[in-house]
Amino acid sequence: MALKITEDCIACGACEAECPNSAISPGDEFYTIDPDKCSECVGFFDEEQCAAVCPSDACVPDPDHQETEEQLIAKVKQLHPDKEFGDSIASKYSK
């Protein structure tokens, strides 16, 4: 499932640069995650980078945007058509 940023966000911006899909952007009061671009970092890392660097633990799973690993893999391949992912795709699901 995509992640979302809660009102606990302190708007430090630490998460924005970490997103491999450019899914994070500044909002009116705190940062936001575009669920159409969030792949939970599948394809790049074995954990969500925004959540890993967030000092206020504001990056949490978004229950309104649930996806399977297969859907996330398809999404990241669509978002990055020029990248060769190979047979072993980084994912928290393969830990």
PDB file of N, CA and C in Angstrom:
ATOM      1  N   MET A   1       0.830  -1.179   0.000  1.00  0.00           N
ATOM      2  CA  MET A   1       0.000   0.000   0.000  1.00  0.00           C
ATOM      3  C   MET A   1       0.871   1.237   0.000  1.00  0.00           C
ATOM      4  N   ALA A   2       0.385   2.274  -0.575  1.00  0.00           N
ATOM      5  CA  ALA A   2       1.115   3.534  -0.576  1.00  0.00           C
ATOM      6  C   ALA A   2       1.246   4.045   0.859  1.00  0.00           C
ATOM      7  N   LEU A   3       2.167   4.940   1.054  1.00  0.00           N
ATOM      8  CA  LEU A   3       2.293   5.576   2.348  1.00  0.00           C
ATOM      9  C   LEU A   3       1.630   6.940   2.283  1.00  0.00           C
ATOM     10  N   LYS A   4       1.376   7.499   3.448  1.00  0.00           N
ATOM     11  CA  LYS A   4       0.859   8.858   3.545  1.00  0.00           C
ATOM     12  C   LYS A   4       1.627   9.558   4.653  1.00  0.00           C
ATOM     13  N   ILE A   5       1.552  10.865   4.652  1.00  0.00           N
ATOM     14  CA  ILE A   5       2.214  11.650   5.683  1.00  0.00           C
ATOM     15  C   ILE A   5       1.134  12.272   6.548  1.00  0.00           C
ATOM     16  N   THR A   6       1.236  12.052   7.840  1.00  0.00           N
ATOM     17  CA  THR A   6       0.226  12.531   8.783  1.00  0.00           C
ATOM     18  C   THR A   6       0.516  13.957   9.226  1.00  0.00           C
ATOM     19  N   GLU A   7      -0.412  14.500  10.003  1.00  0.00           N
ATOM     20  CA  GLU A   7      -0.232  15.861  10.527  1.00  0.00           C
ATOM     21  C   GLU A   7       0.899  15.944  11.547  1.00  0.00           C
ATOM     22  N   ASP A   8       1.510  14.816  11.887  1.00  0.00           N
ATOM     23  CA  ASP A   8       2.685  14.828  12.763  1.00  0.00           C
ATOM     24  C   ASP A   8       3.925  15.348  12.030  1.00  0.00           C
ATOM     25  N   CYS A   9       3.822  15.519  10.719  1.00  0.00           N
ATOM     26  CA  CYS A   9       4.937  16.021   9.902  1.00  0.00           C
ATOM     27  C   CYS A   9       5.379  17.383  10.411  1.00  0.00           C
ATOM     28  N   ILE A  10       6.697  17.559  10.541  1.00  0.00           N
ATOM     29  CA  ILE A  10       7.244  18.840  10.978  1.00  0.00           C
ATOM     30  C   ILE A  10       7.769  19.659   9.795  1.00  0.00           C
ATOM     31  N   ALA A  11       7.461  19.206   8.583  1.00  0.00           N
ATOM     32  CA  ALA A  11       7.820  19.901   7.344  1.00  0.00           C
ATOM     33  C   ALA A  11       9.322  20.160   7.221  1.00  0.00           C
ATOM     34  N   CYS A  12      10.124  19.189   7.642  1.00  0.00           N
ATOM     35  CA  CYS A  12      11.575  19.341   7.562  1.00  0.00           C
ATOM     36  C   CYS A  12      12.106  19.042   6.161  1.00  0.00           C
ATOM     37  N   GLY A  13      11.350  18.272   5.387  1.00  0.00           N
ATOM     38  CA  GLY A  13      11.756  17.954   4.025  1.00  0.00           C
ATOM     39  C   GLY A  13      12.720  16.796   3.887  1.00  0.00           C
ATOM     40  N   ALA A  14      13.054  16.126   4.972  1.00  0.00           N
ATOM     41  CA  ALA A  14      14.017  15.023   4.909  1.00  0.00           C
ATOM     42  C   ALA A  14      13.551  13.913   3.973  1.00  0.00           C
ATOM     43  N   CYS A  15      12.269  13.695   3.899  1.00  0.00           N
ATOM     44  CA  CYS A  15      11.716  12.598   3.109  1.00  0.00           C
ATOM     45  C   CYS A  15      11.730  12.871   1.606  1.00  0.00           C
ATOM     46  N   GLU A  16      11.555  14.094   1.202  1.00  0.00           N
ATOM     47  CA  GLU A  16      11.362  14.425  -0.212  1.00  0.00           C
ATOM     48  C   GLU A  16      12.498  13.924  -1.095  1.00  0.00           C
ATOM     49  N   ALA A  17      13.719  14.175  -0.702  1.00  0.00           N
ATOM     50  CA  ALA A  17      14.878  13.786  -1.515  1.00  0.00           C
ATOM     51  C   ALA A  17      15.115  12.286  -1.521  1.00  0.00           C
ATOM     52  N   GLU A  18      14.564  11.580  -0.561  1.00  0.00           N
ATOM     53  CA  GLU A  18      14.787  10.139  -0.446  1.00  0.00           C
ATOM     54  C   GLU A  18      13.888   9.313  -1.360  1.00  0.00           C
ATOM     55  N   CYS A  19      12.813   9.895  -1.859  1.00  0.00           N
ATOM     56  CA  CYS A  19      11.836   9.139  -2.648  1.00  0.00           C
ATOM     57  C   CYS A  19      12.347   8.886  -4.068  1.00  0.00           C
ATOM     58  N   PRO A  20      12.506   7.610  -4.458  1.00  0.00           N
ATOM     59  CA  PRO A  20      13.013   7.309  -5.795  1.00  0.00           C
ATOM     60  C   PRO A  20      12.004   7.593  -6.910  1.00  0.00           C
ATOM     61  N   ASN A  21      10.749   7.835  -6.546  1.00  0.00           N
ATOM     62  CA  ASN A  21       9.702   8.073  -7.532  1.00  0.00           C
ATOM     63  C   ASN A  21       9.227   9.522  -7.572  1.00  0.00           C
ATOM     64  N   SER A  22       9.860  10.392  -6.804  1.00  0.00           N
ATOM     65  CA  SER A  22       9.437  11.800  -6.703  1.00  0.00           C
ATOM     66  C   SER A  22       7.963  11.910  -6.340  1.00  0.00           C
ATOM     67  N   ALA A  23       7.526  11.068  -5.419  1.00  0.00           N
ATOM     68  CA  ALA A  23       6.127  11.043  -5.002  1.00  0.00           C
ATOM     69  C   ALA A  23       5.824  12.013  -3.874  1.00  0.00           C
ATOM     70  N   ILE A  24       6.854  12.595  -3.270  1.00  0.00           N
ATOM     71  CA  ILE A  24       6.669  13.455  -2.100  1.00  0.00           C
ATOM     72  C   ILE A  24       6.866  14.911  -2.489  1.00  0.00           C
ATOM     73  N   SER A  25       5.939  15.749  -2.019  1.00  0.00           N
ATOM     74  CA  SER A  25       6.039  17.182  -2.307  1.00  0.00           C
ATOM     75  C   SER A  25       5.506  17.979  -1.123  1.00  0.00           C
ATOM     76  N   PRO A  26       5.936  19.252  -1.016  1.00  0.00           N
ATOM     77  CA  PRO A  26       5.430  20.095   0.064  1.00  0.00           C
ATOM     78  C   PRO A  26       3.945  20.378  -0.136  1.00  0.00           C
ATOM     79  N   GLY A  27       3.201  20.325   0.953  1.00  0.00           N
ATOM     80  CA  GLY A  27       1.791  20.689   0.932  1.00  0.00           C
ATOM     81  C   GLY A  27       1.604  22.009   1.648  1.00  0.00           C
ATOM     82  N   ASP A  28       0.379  22.362   1.922  1.00  0.00           N
ATOM     83  CA  ASP A  28       0.103  23.629   2.604  1.00  0.00           C
ATOM     84  C   ASP A  28       0.687  23.668   4.011  1.00  0.00           C
ATOM     85  N   GLU A  29       0.477  22.578   4.772  1.00  0.00           N
ATOM     86  CA  GLU A  29       0.956  22.549   6.150  1.00  0.00           C
ATOM     87  C   GLU A  29       2.048  21.516   6.378  1.00  0.00           C
ATOM     88  N   PHE A  30       2.018  20.444   5.590  1.00  0.00           N
ATOM     89  CA  PHE A  30       3.029  19.405   5.717  1.00  0.00           C
ATOM     90  C   PHE A  30       3.188  18.715   4.366  1.00  0.00           C
ATOM     91  N   TYR A  31       4.193  17.878   4.265  1.00  0.00           N
ATOM     92  CA  TYR A  31       4.479  17.193   3.008  1.00  0.00           C
ATOM     93  C   TYR A  31       3.380  16.170   2.697  1.00  0.00           C
ATOM     94  N   THR A  32       3.249  15.845   1.411  1.00  0.00           N
ATOM     95  CA  THR A  32       2.245  14.876   0.985  1.00  0.00           C
ATOM     96  C   THR A  32       2.891  13.836   0.065  1.00  0.00           C
ATOM     97  N   ILE A  33       2.254  12.686  -0.024  1.00  0.00           N
ATOM     98  CA  ILE A  33       2.715  11.612  -0.902  1.00  0.00           C
ATOM     99  C   ILE A  33       1.633  11.345  -1.939  1.00  0.00           C
ATOM    100  N   ASP A  34       2.018  11.353  -3.203  1.00  0.00           N
ATOM    101  CA  ASP A  34       1.112  11.017  -4.291  1.00  0.00           C
ATOM    102  C   ASP A  34       1.006   9.493  -4.352  1.00  0.00           C
ATOM    103  N   PRO A  35      -0.152   8.917  -4.016  1.00  0.00           N
ATOM    104  CA  PRO A  35      -0.267   7.461  -3.986  1.00  0.00           C
ATOM    105  C   PRO A  35      -0.083   6.814  -5.359  1.00  0.00           C
ATOM    106  N   ASP A  36      -0.287   7.572  -6.425  1.00  0.00           N
ATOM    107  CA  ASP A  36      -0.083   7.027  -7.765  1.00  0.00           C
ATOM    108  C   ASP A  36       1.398   6.866  -8.105  1.00  0.00           C
ATOM    109  N   LYS A  37       2.265   7.514  -7.334  1.00  0.00           N
ATOM    110  CA  LYS A  37       3.704   7.405  -7.561  1.00  0.00           C
ATOM    111  C   LYS A  37       4.422   6.612  -6.474  1.00  0.00           C
ATOM    112  N   CYS A  38       3.762   6.387  -5.355  1.00  0.00           N
ATOM    113  CA  CYS A  38       4.396   5.675  -4.236  1.00  0.00           C
ATOM    114  C   CYS A  38       4.385   4.175  -4.501  1.00  0.00           C
ATOM    115  N   SER A  39       5.578   3.579  -4.489  1.00  0.00           N
ATOM    116  CA  SER A  39       5.710   2.123  -4.668  1.00  0.00           C
ATOM    117  C   SER A  39       6.278   1.467  -3.415  1.00  0.00           C
ATOM    118  N   GLU A  40       6.211   2.172  -2.277  1.00  0.00           N
ATOM    119  CA  GLU A  40       6.804   1.680  -1.031  1.00  0.00           C
ATOM    120  C   GLU A  40       8.292   1.405  -1.218  1.00  0.00           C
ATOM    121  N   CYS A  41       8.908   2.077  -2.164  1.00  0.00           N
ATOM    122  CA  CYS A  41      10.320   1.932  -2.517  1.00  0.00           C
ATOM    123  C   CYS A  41      10.647   0.574  -3.126  1.00  0.00           C
ATOM    124  N   VAL A  42       9.614  -0.229  -3.455  1.00  0.00           N
ATOM    125  CA  VAL A  42       9.827  -1.490  -4.156  1.00  0.00           C
ATOM    126  C   VAL A  42      10.547  -1.184  -5.463  1.00  0.00           C
ATOM    127  N   GLY A  43      11.545  -1.982  -5.762  1.00  0.00           N
ATOM    128  CA  GLY A  43      12.349  -1.766  -6.954  1.00  0.00           C
ATOM    129  C   GLY A  43      13.648  -1.036  -6.664  1.00  0.00           C
ATOM    130  N   PHE A  44      13.726  -0.396  -5.502  1.00  0.00           N
ATOM    131  CA  PHE A  44      14.908   0.383  -5.161  1.00  0.00           C
ATOM    132  C   PHE A  44      15.497   0.021  -3.796  1.00  0.00           C
ATOM    133  N   PHE A  45      14.648  -0.167  -2.801  1.00  0.00           N
ATOM    134  CA  PHE A  45      15.110  -0.414  -1.428  1.00  0.00           C
ATOM    135  C   PHE A  45      14.243  -1.483  -0.775  1.00  0.00           C
ATOM    136  N   ASP A  46      14.742  -2.054   0.319  1.00  0.00           N
ATOM    137  CA  ASP A  46      13.965  -3.054   1.026  1.00  0.00           C
ATOM    138  C   ASP A  46      13.195  -2.480   2.215  1.00  0.00           C
ATOM    139  N   GLU A  47      13.116  -1.151   2.274  1.00  0.00           N
ATOM    140  CA  GLU A  47      12.275  -0.474   3.249  1.00  0.00           C
ATOM    141  C   GLU A  47      11.919   0.911   2.710  1.00  0.00           C
ATOM    142  N   GLU A  48      10.823   1.448   3.175  1.00  0.00           N
ATOM    143  CA  GLU A  48      10.385   2.762   2.730  1.00  0.00           C
ATOM    144  C   GLU A  48      11.348   3.832   3.255  1.00  0.00           C
ATOM    145  N   GLN A  49      11.980   4.530   2.349  1.00  0.00           N
ATOM    146  CA  GLN A  49      13.002   5.492   2.723  1.00  0.00           C
ATOM    147  C   GLN A  49      12.432   6.707   3.444  1.00  0.00           C
ATOM    148  N   CYS A  50      11.237   7.140   3.072  1.00  0.00           N
ATOM    149  CA  CYS A  50      10.638   8.298   3.747  1.00  0.00           C
ATOM    150  C   CYS A  50      10.434   7.987   5.231  1.00  0.00           C
ATOM    151  N   ALA A  51       9.908   6.806   5.513  1.00  0.00           N
ATOM    152  CA  ALA A  51       9.681   6.413   6.899  1.00  0.00           C
ATOM    153  C   ALA A  51      10.998   6.239   7.647  1.00  0.00           C
ATOM    154  N   ALA A  52      12.017   5.755   6.952  1.00  0.00           N
ATOM    155  CA  ALA A  52      13.319   5.522   7.590  1.00  0.00           C
ATOM    156  C   ALA A  52      13.987   6.823   8.037  1.00  0.00           C
ATOM    157  N   VAL A  53      13.773   7.909   7.287  1.00  0.00           N
ATOM    158  CA  VAL A  53      14.452   9.168   7.624  1.00  0.00           C
ATOM    159  C   VAL A  53      13.567  10.159   8.370  1.00  0.00           C
ATOM    160  N   CYS A  54      12.291   9.890   8.496  1.00  0.00           N
ATOM    161  CA  CYS A  54      11.362  10.836   9.122  1.00  0.00           C
ATOM    162  C   CYS A  54      11.615  10.948  10.626  1.00  0.00           C
ATOM    163  N   PRO A  55      11.968  12.148  11.112  1.00  0.00           N
ATOM    164  CA  PRO A  55      12.242  12.311  12.539  1.00  0.00           C
ATOM    165  C   PRO A  55      10.981  12.321  13.401  1.00  0.00           C
ATOM    166  N   SER A  56       9.805  12.468  12.788  1.00  0.00           N
ATOM    167  CA  SER A  56       8.574  12.524  13.581  1.00  0.00           C
ATOM    168  C   SER A  56       7.655  11.324  13.335  1.00  0.00           C
ATOM    169  N   ASP A  57       8.155  10.314  12.633  1.00  0.00           N
ATOM    170  CA  ASP A  57       7.378   9.106  12.331  1.00  0.00           C
ATOM    171  C   ASP A  57       6.038   9.427  11.681  1.00  0.00           C
ATOM    172  N   ALA A  58       6.042  10.399  10.773  1.00  0.00           N
ATOM    173  CA  ALA A  58       4.807  10.845  10.122  1.00  0.00           C
ATOM    174  C   ALA A  58       4.499  10.080   8.836  1.00  0.00           C
ATOM    175  N   CYS A  59       5.416   9.260   8.353  1.00  0.00           N
ATOM    176  CA  CYS A  59       5.194   8.474   7.134  1.00  0.00           C
ATOM    177  C   CYS A  59       4.665   7.103   7.540  1.00  0.00           C
ATOM    178  N   VAL A  60       3.404   6.872   7.222  1.00  0.00           N
ATOM    179  CA  VAL A  60       2.732   5.653   7.661  1.00  0.00           C
ATOM    180  C   VAL A  60       1.981   5.009   6.492  1.00  0.00           C
ATOM    181  N   PRO A  61       1.658   3.723   6.594  1.00  0.00           N
ATOM    182  CA  PRO A  61       0.867   3.077   5.535  1.00  0.00           C
ATOM    183  C   PRO A  61      -0.487   3.764   5.363  1.00  0.00           C
ATOM    184  N   ASP A  62      -0.924   3.866   4.126  1.00  0.00           N
ATOM    185  CA  ASP A  62      -2.205   4.495   3.800  1.00  0.00           C
ATOM    186  C   ASP A  62      -3.220   3.397   3.503  1.00  0.00           C
ATOM    187  N   PRO A  63      -4.117   3.102   4.437  1.00  0.00           N
ATOM    188  CA  PRO A  63      -5.067   2.006   4.237  1.00  0.00           C
ATOM    189  C   PRO A  63      -6.030   2.236   3.065  1.00  0.00           C
ATOM    190  N   ASP A  64      -6.116   3.458   2.583  1.00  0.00           N
ATOM    191  CA  ASP A  64      -6.985   3.759   1.440  1.00  0.00           C
ATOM    192  C   ASP A  64      -6.341   3.406   0.105  1.00  0.00           C
ATOM    193  N   HIS A  65      -5.052   3.024   0.127  1.00  0.00           N
ATOM    194  CA  HIS A  65      -4.331   2.701  -1.106  1.00  0.00           C
ATOM    195  C   HIS A  65      -3.533   1.411  -0.939  1.00  0.00           C
ATOM    196  N   GLN A  66      -4.240   0.305  -0.806  1.00  0.00           N
ATOM    197  CA  GLN A  66      -3.600  -0.991  -0.616  1.00  0.00           C
ATOM    198  C   GLN A  66      -3.263  -1.618  -1.961  1.00  0.00           C
ATOM    199  N   GLU A  67      -2.044  -2.172  -2.057  1.00  0.00           N
ATOM    200  CA  GLU A  67      -1.580  -2.818  -3.278  1.00  0.00           C
ATOM    201  C   GLU A  67      -0.748  -4.039  -2.925  1.00  0.00           C
ATOM    202  N   THR A  68      -0.747  -5.012  -3.811  1.00  0.00           N
ATOM    203  CA  THR A  68       0.082  -6.197  -3.626  1.00  0.00           C
ATOM    204  C   THR A  68       1.502  -5.879  -4.097  1.00  0.00           C
ATOM    205  N   GLU A  69       2.428  -6.773  -3.768  1.00  0.00           N
ATOM    206  CA  GLU A  69       3.797  -6.602  -4.246  1.00  0.00           C
ATOM    207  C   GLU A  69       3.827  -6.586  -5.773  1.00  0.00           C
ATOM    208  N   GLU A  70       3.053  -7.437  -6.391  1.00  0.00           N
ATOM    209  CA  GLU A  70       3.014  -7.494  -7.857  1.00  0.00           C
ATOM    210  C   GLU A  70       2.522  -6.177  -8.447  1.00  0.00           C
ATOM    211  N   GLN A  71       1.513  -5.575  -7.834  1.00  0.00           N
ATOM    212  CA  GLN A  71       1.012  -4.279  -8.304  1.00  0.00           C
ATOM    213  C   GLN A  71       2.065  -3.191  -8.130  1.00  0.00           C
ATOM    214  N   LEU A  72       2.801  -3.243  -7.024  1.00  0.00           N
ATOM    215  CA  LEU A  72       3.848  -2.249  -6.780  1.00  0.00           C
ATOM    216  C   LEU A  72       4.986  -2.402  -7.785  1.00  0.00           C
ATOM    217  N   ILE A  73       5.341  -3.637  -8.105  1.00  0.00           N
ATOM    218  CA  ILE A  73       6.386  -3.882  -9.102  1.00  0.00           C
ATOM    219  C   ILE A  73       5.949  -3.344 -10.460  1.00  0.00           C
ATOM    220  N   ALA A  74       4.717  -3.610 -10.836  1.00  0.00           N
ATOM    221  CA  ALA A  74       4.195  -3.099 -12.109  1.00  0.00           C
ATOM    222  C   ALA A  74       4.200  -1.581 -12.126  1.00  0.00           C
ATOM    223  N   LYS A  75       3.832  -0.971 -10.994  1.00  0.00           N
ATOM    224  CA  LYS A  75       3.807   0.493 -10.897  1.00  0.00           C
ATOM    225  C   LYS A  75       5.202   1.078 -11.084  1.00  0.00           C
ATOM    226  N   VAL A  76       6.187   0.515 -10.388  1.00  0.00           N
ATOM    227  CA  VAL A  76       7.536   1.076 -10.460  1.00  0.00           C
ATOM    228  C   VAL A  76       8.123   0.884 -11.859  1.00  0.00           C
ATOM    229  N   LYS A  77       7.789  -0.215 -12.510  1.00  0.00           N
ATOM    230  CA  LYS A  77       8.266  -0.415 -13.884  1.00  0.00           C
ATOM    231  C   LYS A  77       7.622   0.591 -14.839  1.00  0.00           C
ATOM    232  N   GLN A  78       6.372   0.937 -14.591  1.00  0.00           N
ATOM    233  CA  GLN A  78       5.697   1.944 -15.413  1.00  0.00           C
ATOM    234  C   GLN A  78       6.278   3.331 -15.151  1.00  0.00           C
ATOM    235  N   LEU A  79       6.595   3.624 -13.899  1.00  0.00           N
ATOM    236  CA  LEU A  79       7.158   4.933 -13.551  1.00  0.00           C
ATOM    237  C   LEU A  79       8.582   5.111 -14.065  1.00  0.00           C
ATOM    238  N   HIS A  80       9.308   4.002 -14.243  1.00  0.00           N
ATOM    239  CA  HIS A  80      10.710   4.041 -14.664  1.00  0.00           C
ATOM    240  C   HIS A  80      10.927   3.105 -15.859  1.00  0.00           C
ATOM    241  N   PRO A  81      10.333   3.435 -17.012  1.00  0.00           N
ATOM    242  CA  PRO A  81      10.414   2.529 -18.169  1.00  0.00           C
ATOM    243  C   PRO A  81      11.827   2.332 -18.711  1.00  0.00           C
ATOM    244  N   ASP A  82      12.745   3.235 -18.428  1.00  0.00           N
ATOM    245  CA  ASP A  82      14.107   3.124 -18.942  1.00  0.00           C
ATOM    246  C   ASP A  82      15.047   2.364 -18.008  1.00  0.00           C
ATOM    247  N   LYS A  83      14.563   1.996 -16.825  1.00  0.00           N
ATOM    248  CA  LYS A  83      15.410   1.302 -15.850  1.00  0.00           C
ATOM    249  C   LYS A  83      15.222  -0.210 -15.997  1.00  0.00           C
ATOM    250  N   GLU A  84      16.339  -0.924 -15.992  1.00  0.00           N
ATOM    251  CA  GLU A  84      16.320  -2.387 -16.027  1.00  0.00           C
ATOM    252  C   GLU A  84      16.373  -2.889 -14.590  1.00  0.00           C
ATOM    253  N   PHE A  85      15.330  -3.554 -14.140  1.00  0.00           N
ATOM    254  CA  PHE A  85      15.257  -4.028 -12.767  1.00  0.00           C
ATOM    255  C   PHE A  85      15.813  -5.440 -12.599  1.00  0.00           C
ATOM    256  N   GLY A  86      15.900  -6.199 -13.664  1.00  0.00           N
ATOM    257  CA  GLY A  86      16.422  -7.561 -13.569  1.00  0.00           C
ATOM    258  C   GLY A  86      15.469  -8.507 -12.866  1.00  0.00           C
ATOM    259  N   ASP A  87      15.990  -9.649 -12.469  1.00  0.00           N
ATOM    260  CA  ASP A  87      15.151 -10.678 -11.847  1.00  0.00           C
ATOM    261  C   ASP A  87      14.948 -10.452 -10.358  1.00  0.00           C
ATOM    262  N   SER A  88      15.882  -9.795  -9.713  1.00  0.00           N
ATOM    263  CA  SER A  88      15.817  -9.584  -8.276  1.00  0.00           C
ATOM    264  C   SER A  88      15.440  -8.140  -7.983  1.00  0.00           C
ATOM    265  N   ILE A  89      14.183  -7.913  -7.651  1.00  0.00           N
ATOM    266  CA  ILE A  89      13.709  -6.563  -7.391  1.00  0.00           C
ATOM    267  C   ILE A  89      13.722  -6.316  -5.880  1.00  0.00           C
ATOM    268  N   ALA A  90      14.370  -5.228  -5.471  1.00  0.00           N
ATOM    269  CA  ALA A  90      14.424  -4.884  -4.048  1.00  0.00           C
ATOM    270  C   ALA A  90      13.016  -4.655  -3.535  1.00  0.00           C
ATOM    271  N   SER A  91      12.732  -5.241  -2.367  1.00  0.00           N
ATOM    272  CA  SER A  91      11.395  -5.125  -1.812  1.00  0.00           C
ATOM    273  C   SER A  91      11.407  -5.562  -0.348  1.00  0.00           C
ATOM    274  N   LYS A  92      10.619  -4.894   0.445  1.00  0.00           N
ATOM    275  CA  LYS A  92      10.486  -5.312   1.841  1.00  0.00           C
ATOM    276  C   LYS A  92       9.807  -6.678   1.928  1.00  0.00           C
ATOM    277  N   TYR A  93       9.107  -7.050   0.874  1.00  0.00           N
ATOM    278  CA  TYR A  93       8.414  -8.335   0.836  1.00  0.00           C
ATOM    279  C   TYR A  93       9.371  -9.510   0.658  1.00  0.00           C
ATOM    280  N   SER A  94      10.566  -9.243   0.158  1.00  0.00           N
ATOM    281  CA  SER A  94      11.517 -10.327  -0.069  1.00  0.00           C
ATOM    282  C   SER A  94      12.554 -10.424   1.036  1.00  0.00           C
ATOM    283  N   LYS A  95      12.318  -9.767   2.138  1.00  0.00           N
ATOM    284  CA  LYS A  95      13.226  -9.861   3.294  1.00  0.00           C
ATOM    285  C   LYS A  95      13.130 -11.231   3.915  1.00  0.00           C
TER     286      LYS A  95
END
